[in-house]
């Protein structure tokens, strides 16, 4: 699937709450349907991003892990 990602945030090397704060700042500027990809190395990132999406009217399109980071792609409802 080809994703039309409008923004990508690399929060690698930071820890909570920085990845969530950075994500919320960009989400506030997105139009419905636009997507953001967030990269993070924080241990609890994937769990935190799920909670953030639930509370902020977002849909998680995709999550994953690589050797270097975890990532999530979100879309604003």
PDB file of N, CA and C in Angstrom:
ATOM      1  N   UNK A   1       0.846  -1.178   0.000  1.00  0.00           N
ATOM      2  CA  UNK A   1       0.000   0.000   0.000  1.00  0.00           C
ATOM      3  C   UNK A   1       0.893   1.243   0.000  1.00  0.00           C
ATOM      4  N   UNK A   2       0.565   2.179  -0.854  1.00  0.00           N
ATOM      5  CA  UNK A   2       1.298   3.440  -0.923  1.00  0.00           C
ATOM      6  C   UNK A   2       0.599   4.457  -0.032  1.00  0.00           C
ATOM      7  N   UNK A   3       1.348   5.005   0.899  1.00  0.00           N
ATOM      8  CA  UNK A   3       0.778   5.958   1.844  1.00  0.00           C
ATOM      9  C   UNK A   3       1.139   7.378   1.442  1.00  0.00           C
ATOM     10  N   UNK A   4       0.179   8.274   1.523  1.00  0.00           N
ATOM     11  CA  UNK A   4       0.394   9.678   1.216  1.00  0.00           C
ATOM     12  C   UNK A   4       0.689  10.408   2.528  1.00  0.00           C
ATOM     13  N   UNK A   5       1.932  10.340   2.962  1.00  0.00           N
ATOM     14  CA  UNK A   5       2.341  10.912   4.240  1.00  0.00           C
ATOM     15  C   UNK A   5       2.727  12.376   4.039  1.00  0.00           C
ATOM     16  N   UNK A   6       2.039  13.250   4.762  1.00  0.00           N
ATOM     17  CA  UNK A   6       2.279  14.696   4.629  1.00  0.00           C
ATOM     18  C   UNK A   6       3.472  15.159   5.459  1.00  0.00           C
ATOM     19  N   UNK A   7       3.662  14.576   6.650  1.00  0.00           N
ATOM     20  CA  UNK A   7       4.739  14.980   7.547  1.00  0.00           C
ATOM     21  C   UNK A   7       5.432  13.748   8.117  1.00  0.00           C
ATOM     22  N   UNK A   8       6.710  13.885   8.390  1.00  0.00           N
ATOM     23  CA  UNK A   8       7.453  12.849   9.099  1.00  0.00           C
ATOM     24  C   UNK A   8       8.231  13.521  10.229  1.00  0.00           C
ATOM     25  N   UNK A   9       8.102  12.954  11.419  1.00  0.00           N
ATOM     26  CA  UNK A   9       8.798  13.484  12.592  1.00  0.00           C
ATOM     27  C   UNK A   9       9.757  12.420  13.082  1.00  0.00           C
ATOM     28  N   UNK A  10      10.995  12.780  13.265  1.00  0.00           N
ATOM     29  CA  UNK A  10      11.991  11.851  13.813  1.00  0.00           C
ATOM     30  C   UNK A  10      12.295  12.276  15.245  1.00  0.00           C
ATOM     31  N   UNK A  11      11.769  11.521  16.205  1.00  0.00           N
ATOM     32  CA  UNK A  11      11.997  11.823  17.614  1.00  0.00           C
ATOM     33  C   UNK A  11      13.022  10.868  18.224  1.00  0.00           C
ATOM     34  N   UNK A  12      13.779  10.199  17.373  1.00  0.00           N
ATOM     35  CA  UNK A  12      14.794   9.258  17.848  1.00  0.00           C
ATOM     36  C   UNK A  12      15.739   9.938  18.830  1.00  0.00           C
ATOM     37  N   UNK A  13      16.057   9.225  19.891  1.00  0.00           N
ATOM     38  CA  UNK A  13      16.982   9.750  20.887  1.00  0.00           C
ATOM     39  C   UNK A  13      16.312  10.553  21.990  1.00  0.00           C
ATOM     40  N   UNK A  14      15.013  10.794  21.869  1.00  0.00           N
ATOM     41  CA  UNK A  14      14.295  11.504  22.925  1.00  0.00           C
ATOM     42  C   UNK A  14      13.436  10.507  23.695  1.00  0.00           C
ATOM     43  N   UNK A  15      13.039  10.890  24.893  1.00  0.00           N
ATOM     44  CA  UNK A  15      12.174   9.988  25.670  1.00  0.00           C
ATOM     45  C   UNK A  15      10.892  10.725  26.038  1.00  0.00           C
ATOM     46  N   UNK A  16       9.947   9.951  26.501  1.00  0.00           N
ATOM     47  CA  UNK A  16       8.630  10.454  26.861  1.00  0.00           C
ATOM     48  C   UNK A  16       8.767  11.628  27.831  1.00  0.00           C
ATOM     49  N   UNK A  17       8.044  12.661  27.578  1.00  0.00           N
ATOM     50  CA  UNK A  17       6.893  12.832  26.701  1.00  0.00           C
ATOM     51  C   UNK A  17       7.200  13.500  25.366  1.00  0.00           C
ATOM     52  N   UNK A  18       8.459  13.711  25.022  1.00  0.00           N
ATOM     53  CA  UNK A  18       8.821  14.466  23.806  1.00  0.00           C
ATOM     54  C   UNK A  18       8.199  13.876  22.531  1.00  0.00           C
ATOM     55  N   UNK A  19       8.247  12.548  22.293  1.00  0.00           N
ATOM     56  CA  UNK A  19       7.618  12.034  21.065  1.00  0.00           C
ATOM     57  C   UNK A  19       6.125  12.357  20.984  1.00  0.00           C
ATOM     58  N   UNK A  20       5.423  12.299  22.106  1.00  0.00           N
ATOM     59  CA  UNK A  20       3.985  12.579  22.095  1.00  0.00           C
ATOM     60  C   UNK A  20       3.711  14.066  21.909  1.00  0.00           C
ATOM     61  N   UNK A  21       4.479  14.905  22.556  1.00  0.00           N
ATOM     62  CA  UNK A  21       4.308  16.356  22.395  1.00  0.00           C
ATOM     63  C   UNK A  21       4.584  16.764  20.953  1.00  0.00           C
ATOM     64  N   UNK A  22       5.650  16.236  20.382  1.00  0.00           N
ATOM     65  CA  UNK A  22       5.990  16.551  18.991  1.00  0.00           C
ATOM     66  C   UNK A  22       4.889  16.090  18.042  1.00  0.00           C
ATOM     67  N   UNK A  23       4.348  14.925  18.299  1.00  0.00           N
ATOM     68  CA  UNK A  23       3.267  14.396  17.465  1.00  0.00           C
ATOM     69  C   UNK A  23       2.024  15.272  17.572  1.00  0.00           C
ATOM     70  N   UNK A  24       1.648  15.645  18.775  1.00  0.00           N
ATOM     71  CA  UNK A  24       0.463  16.482  18.966  1.00  0.00           C
ATOM     72  C   UNK A  24       0.592  17.834  18.273  1.00  0.00           C
ATOM     73  N   UNK A  25       1.781  18.419  18.283  1.00  0.00           N
ATOM     74  CA  UNK A  25       1.993  19.712  17.621  1.00  0.00           C
ATOM     75  C   UNK A  25       1.695  19.614  16.128  1.00  0.00           C
ATOM     76  N   UNK A  26       2.172  18.549  15.493  1.00  0.00           N
ATOM     77  CA  UNK A  26       1.938  18.387  14.055  1.00  0.00           C
ATOM     78  C   UNK A  26       0.482  17.992  13.794  1.00  0.00           C
ATOM     79  N   UNK A  27      -0.068  17.096  14.608  1.00  0.00           N
ATOM     80  CA  UNK A  27      -1.461  16.686  14.426  1.00  0.00           C
ATOM     81  C   UNK A  27      -2.410  17.876  14.464  1.00  0.00           C
ATOM     82  N   UNK A  28      -2.119  18.847  15.283  1.00  0.00           N
ATOM     83  CA  UNK A  28      -3.003  20.008  15.408  1.00  0.00           C
ATOM     84  C   UNK A  28      -3.079  20.812  14.111  1.00  0.00           C
ATOM     85  N   UNK A  29      -2.086  20.660  13.247  1.00  0.00           N
ATOM     86  CA  UNK A  29      -2.055  21.402  11.978  1.00  0.00           C
ATOM     87  C   UNK A  29      -2.584  20.595  10.801  1.00  0.00           C
ATOM     88  N   UNK A  30      -2.836  19.292  10.998  1.00  0.00           N
ATOM     89  CA  UNK A  30      -3.278  18.450   9.889  1.00  0.00           C
ATOM     90  C   UNK A  30      -4.756  18.624   9.595  1.00  0.00           C
ATOM     91  N   UNK A  31      -5.095  18.460   8.335  1.00  0.00           N
ATOM     92  CA  UNK A  31      -6.485  18.410   7.898  1.00  0.00           C
ATOM     93  C   UNK A  31      -6.962  16.960   7.986  1.00  0.00           C
ATOM     94  N   UNK A  32      -8.277  16.750   8.113  1.00  0.00           N
ATOM     95  CA  UNK A  32      -8.780  15.375   8.132  1.00  0.00           C
ATOM     96  C   UNK A  32      -8.300  14.580   6.920  1.00  0.00           C
ATOM     97  N   UNK A  33      -7.836  13.370   7.169  1.00  0.00           N
ATOM     98  CA  UNK A  33      -7.341  12.493   6.109  1.00  0.00           C
ATOM     99  C   UNK A  33      -5.844  12.588   5.859  1.00  0.00           C
ATOM    100  N   UNK A  34      -5.210  13.667   6.294  1.00  0.00           N
ATOM    101  CA  UNK A  34      -3.768  13.787   6.117  1.00  0.00           C
ATOM    102  C   UNK A  34      -3.051  12.862   7.091  1.00  0.00           C
ATOM    103  N   UNK A  35      -1.870  12.410   6.688  1.00  0.00           N
ATOM    104  CA  UNK A  35      -1.120  11.443   7.485  1.00  0.00           C
ATOM    105  C   UNK A  35       0.208  11.989   7.967  1.00  0.00           C
ATOM    106  N   UNK A  36       0.624  11.455   9.107  1.00  0.00           N
ATOM    107  CA  UNK A  36       1.910  11.784   9.708  1.00  0.00           C
ATOM    108  C   UNK A  36       2.609  10.475  10.062  1.00  0.00           C
ATOM    109  N   UNK A  37       3.913  10.440   9.864  1.00  0.00           N
ATOM    110  CA  UNK A  37       4.729   9.292  10.271  1.00  0.00           C
ATOM    111  C   UNK A  37       5.654   9.769  11.383  1.00  0.00           C
ATOM    112  N   UNK A  38       5.679   9.012  12.469  1.00  0.00           N
ATOM    113  CA  UNK A  38       6.500   9.366  13.627  1.00  0.00           C
ATOM    114  C   UNK A  38       7.505   8.242  13.869  1.00  0.00           C
ATOM    115  N   UNK A  39       8.789   8.597  13.973  1.00  0.00           N
ATOM    116  CA  UNK A  39       9.855   7.648  14.288  1.00  0.00           C
ATOM    117  C   UNK A  39      10.284   7.893  15.723  1.00  0.00           C
ATOM    118  N   UNK A  40      10.518   6.814  16.472  1.00  0.00           N
ATOM    119  CA  UNK A  40      10.890   6.980  17.875  1.00  0.00           C
ATOM    120  C   UNK A  40      11.734   5.814  18.359  1.00  0.00           C
ATOM    121  N   UNK A  41      12.585   6.103  19.325  1.00  0.00           N
ATOM    122  CA  UNK A  41      13.381   5.062  19.978  1.00  0.00           C
ATOM    123  C   UNK A  41      12.950   4.869  21.427  1.00  0.00           C
ATOM    124  N   UNK A  42      12.002   5.662  21.892  1.00  0.00           N
ATOM    125  CA  UNK A  42      11.513   5.568  23.264  1.00  0.00           C
ATOM    126  C   UNK A  42      10.855   4.210  23.492  1.00  0.00           C
ATOM    127  N   UNK A  43      11.170   3.581  24.609  1.00  0.00           N
ATOM    128  CA  UNK A  43      10.724   2.226  24.913  1.00  0.00           C
ATOM    129  C   UNK A  43       9.202   2.040  24.843  1.00  0.00           C
ATOM    130  N   UNK A  44       8.434   2.975  25.337  1.00  0.00           N
ATOM    131  CA  UNK A  44       6.985   2.826  25.382  1.00  0.00           C
ATOM    132  C   UNK A  44       6.240   3.498  24.248  1.00  0.00           C
ATOM    133  N   UNK A  45       6.938   3.858  23.185  1.00  0.00           N
ATOM    134  CA  UNK A  45       6.347   4.645  22.104  1.00  0.00           C
ATOM    135  C   UNK A  45       5.096   4.024  21.502  1.00  0.00           C
ATOM    136  N   UNK A  46       5.152   2.772  21.107  1.00  0.00           N
ATOM    137  CA  UNK A  46       4.009   2.178  20.417  1.00  0.00           C
ATOM    138  C   UNK A  46       2.767   2.136  21.306  1.00  0.00           C
ATOM    139  N   UNK A  47       2.946   1.838  22.565  1.00  0.00           N
ATOM    140  CA  UNK A  47       1.813   1.847  23.495  1.00  0.00           C
ATOM    141  C   UNK A  47       1.282   3.271  23.673  1.00  0.00           C
ATOM    142  N   UNK A  48       2.196   4.226  23.822  1.00  0.00           N
ATOM    143  CA  UNK A  48       1.799   5.626  24.006  1.00  0.00           C
ATOM    144  C   UNK A  48       1.081   6.184  22.776  1.00  0.00           C
ATOM    145  N   UNK A  49       1.558   5.839  21.584  1.00  0.00           N
ATOM    146  CA  UNK A  49       0.964   6.396  20.365  1.00  0.00           C
ATOM    147  C   UNK A  49      -0.452   5.858  20.164  1.00  0.00           C
ATOM    148  N   UNK A  50      -0.689   4.627  20.596  1.00  0.00           N
ATOM    149  CA  UNK A  50      -2.051   4.072  20.515  1.00  0.00           C
ATOM    150  C   UNK A  50      -3.001   4.861  21.421  1.00  0.00           C
ATOM    151  N   UNK A  51      -2.564   5.179  22.623  1.00  0.00           N
ATOM    152  CA  UNK A  51      -3.382   5.957  23.550  1.00  0.00           C
ATOM    153  C   UNK A  51      -3.600   7.372  23.011  1.00  0.00           C
ATOM    154  N   UNK A  52      -2.562   7.978  22.460  1.00  0.00           N
ATOM    155  CA  UNK A  52      -2.675   9.311  21.886  1.00  0.00           C
ATOM    156  C   UNK A  52      -3.699   9.320  20.752  1.00  0.00           C
ATOM    157  N   UNK A  53      -3.636   8.334  19.883  1.00  0.00           N
ATOM    158  CA  UNK A  53      -4.567   8.271  18.754  1.00  0.00           C
ATOM    159  C   UNK A  53      -6.006   8.138  19.240  1.00  0.00           C
ATOM    160  N   UNK A  54      -6.214   7.302  20.220  1.00  0.00           N
ATOM    161  CA  UNK A  54      -7.561   7.077  20.752  1.00  0.00           C
ATOM    162  C   UNK A  54      -8.146   8.363  21.338  1.00  0.00           C
ATOM    163  N   UNK A  55      -7.338   9.124  22.020  1.00  0.00           N
ATOM    164  CA  UNK A  55      -7.801  10.346  22.690  1.00  0.00           C
ATOM    165  C   UNK A  55      -7.888  11.559  21.770  1.00  0.00           C
ATOM    166  N   UNK A  56      -7.303  11.476  20.582  1.00  0.00           N
ATOM    167  CA  UNK A  56      -7.213  12.654  19.715  1.00  0.00           C
ATOM    168  C   UNK A  56      -7.835  12.469  18.341  1.00  0.00           C
ATOM    169  N   UNK A  57      -8.800  11.571  18.245  1.00  0.00           N
ATOM    170  CA  UNK A  57      -9.544  11.368  17.000  1.00  0.00           C
ATOM    171  C   UNK A  57      -8.635  11.093  15.810  1.00  0.00           C
ATOM    172  N   UNK A  58      -7.711  10.157  16.015  1.00  0.00           N
ATOM    173  CA  UNK A  58      -6.796   9.747  14.955  1.00  0.00           C
ATOM    174  C   UNK A  58      -6.966   8.258  14.690  1.00  0.00           C
ATOM    175  N   UNK A  59      -6.559   7.849  13.533  1.00  0.00           N
ATOM    176  CA  UNK A  59      -6.569   6.442  13.165  1.00  0.00           C
ATOM    177  C   UNK A  59      -5.120   6.020  12.957  1.00  0.00           C
ATOM    178  N   UNK A  60      -4.742   4.901  13.536  1.00  0.00           N
ATOM    179  CA  UNK A  60      -3.408   4.365  13.278  1.00  0.00           C
ATOM    180  C   UNK A  60      -3.495   3.538  12.001  1.00  0.00           C
ATOM    181  N   UNK A  61      -2.762   3.958  11.003  1.00  0.00           N
ATOM    182  CA  UNK A  61      -2.744   3.289   9.710  1.00  0.00           C
ATOM    183  C   UNK A  61      -1.773   2.119   9.735  1.00  0.00           C
ATOM    184  N   UNK A  62      -0.639   2.334  10.391  1.00  0.00           N
ATOM    185  CA  UNK A  62       0.426   1.326  10.374  1.00  0.00           C
ATOM    186  C   UNK A  62       1.367   1.575  11.544  1.00  0.00           C
ATOM    187  N   UNK A  63       1.876   0.507  12.138  1.00  0.00           N
ATOM    188  CA  UNK A  63       2.966   0.601  13.111  1.00  0.00           C
ATOM    189  C   UNK A  63       3.987  -0.455  12.751  1.00  0.00           C
ATOM    190  N   UNK A  64       5.191  -0.265  13.227  1.00  0.00           N
ATOM    191  CA  UNK A  64       6.216  -1.249  12.950  1.00  0.00           C
ATOM    192  C   UNK A  64       7.477  -0.980  13.735  1.00  0.00           C
ATOM    193  N   UNK A  65       8.392  -1.909  13.601  1.00  0.00           N
ATOM    194  CA  UNK A  65       9.672  -1.815  14.285  1.00  0.00           C
ATOM    195  C   UNK A  65      10.788  -2.148  13.300  1.00  0.00           C
ATOM    196  N   UNK A  66      11.900  -1.447  13.439  1.00  0.00           N
ATOM    197  CA  UNK A  66      13.113  -1.774  12.705  1.00  0.00           C
ATOM    198  C   UNK A  66      14.214  -1.982  13.743  1.00  0.00           C
ATOM    199  N   UNK A  67      15.412  -2.252  13.282  1.00  0.00           N
ATOM    200  CA  UNK A  67      16.534  -2.394  14.214  1.00  0.00           C
ATOM    201  C   UNK A  67      16.845  -1.090  14.931  1.00  0.00           C
ATOM    202  N   UNK A  68      16.537   0.038  14.297  1.00  0.00           N
ATOM    203  CA  UNK A  68      16.930   1.339  14.827  1.00  0.00           C
ATOM    204  C   UNK A  68      15.819   2.121  15.521  1.00  0.00           C
ATOM    205  N   UNK A  69      14.575   1.872  15.181  1.00  0.00           N
ATOM    206  CA  UNK A  69      13.475   2.662  15.731  1.00  0.00           C
ATOM    207  C   UNK A  69      12.140   1.943  15.556  1.00  0.00           C
ATOM    208  N   UNK A  70      11.122   2.439  16.278  1.00  0.00           N
ATOM    209  CA  UNK A  70       9.733   2.066  16.069  1.00  0.00           C
ATOM    210  C   UNK A  70       9.102   3.191  15.261  1.00  0.00           C
ATOM    211  N   UNK A  71       8.004   2.881  14.576  1.00  0.00           N
ATOM    212  CA  UNK A  71       7.326   3.943  13.847  1.00  0.00           C
ATOM    213  C   UNK A  71       5.822   3.728  13.868  1.00  0.00           C
ATOM    214  N   UNK A  72       5.111   4.812  13.629  1.00  0.00           N
ATOM    215  CA  UNK A  72       3.666   4.772  13.510  1.00  0.00           C
ATOM    216  C   UNK A  72       3.242   5.778  12.447  1.00  0.00           C
ATOM    217  N   UNK A  73       2.237   5.407  11.671  1.00  0.00           N
ATOM    218  CA  UNK A  73       1.624   6.312  10.709  1.00  0.00           C
ATOM    219  C   UNK A  73       0.200   6.540  11.184  1.00  0.00           C
ATOM    220  N   UNK A  74      -0.153   7.820  11.368  1.00  0.00           N
ATOM    221  CA  UNK A  74      -1.476   8.186  11.856  1.00  0.00           C
ATOM    222  C   UNK A  74      -2.177   9.072  10.832  1.00  0.00           C
ATOM    223  N   UNK A  75      -3.497   8.992  10.852  1.00  0.00           N
ATOM    224  CA  UNK A  75      -4.302   9.858  10.011  1.00  0.00           C
ATOM    225  C   UNK A  75      -5.306  10.583  10.904  1.00  0.00           C
ATOM    226  N   UNK A  76      -5.512  11.846  10.638  1.00  0.00           N
ATOM    227  CA  UNK A  76      -6.478  12.618  11.398  1.00  0.00           C
ATOM    228  C   UNK A  76      -7.870  12.333  10.837  1.00  0.00           C
ATOM    229  N   UNK A  77      -8.837  12.046  11.729  1.00  0.00           N
ATOM    230  CA  UNK A  77     -10.223  11.795  11.286  1.00  0.00           C
ATOM    231  C   UNK A  77     -10.858  13.060  10.785  1.00  0.00           C
TER     232      UNK A  77
END
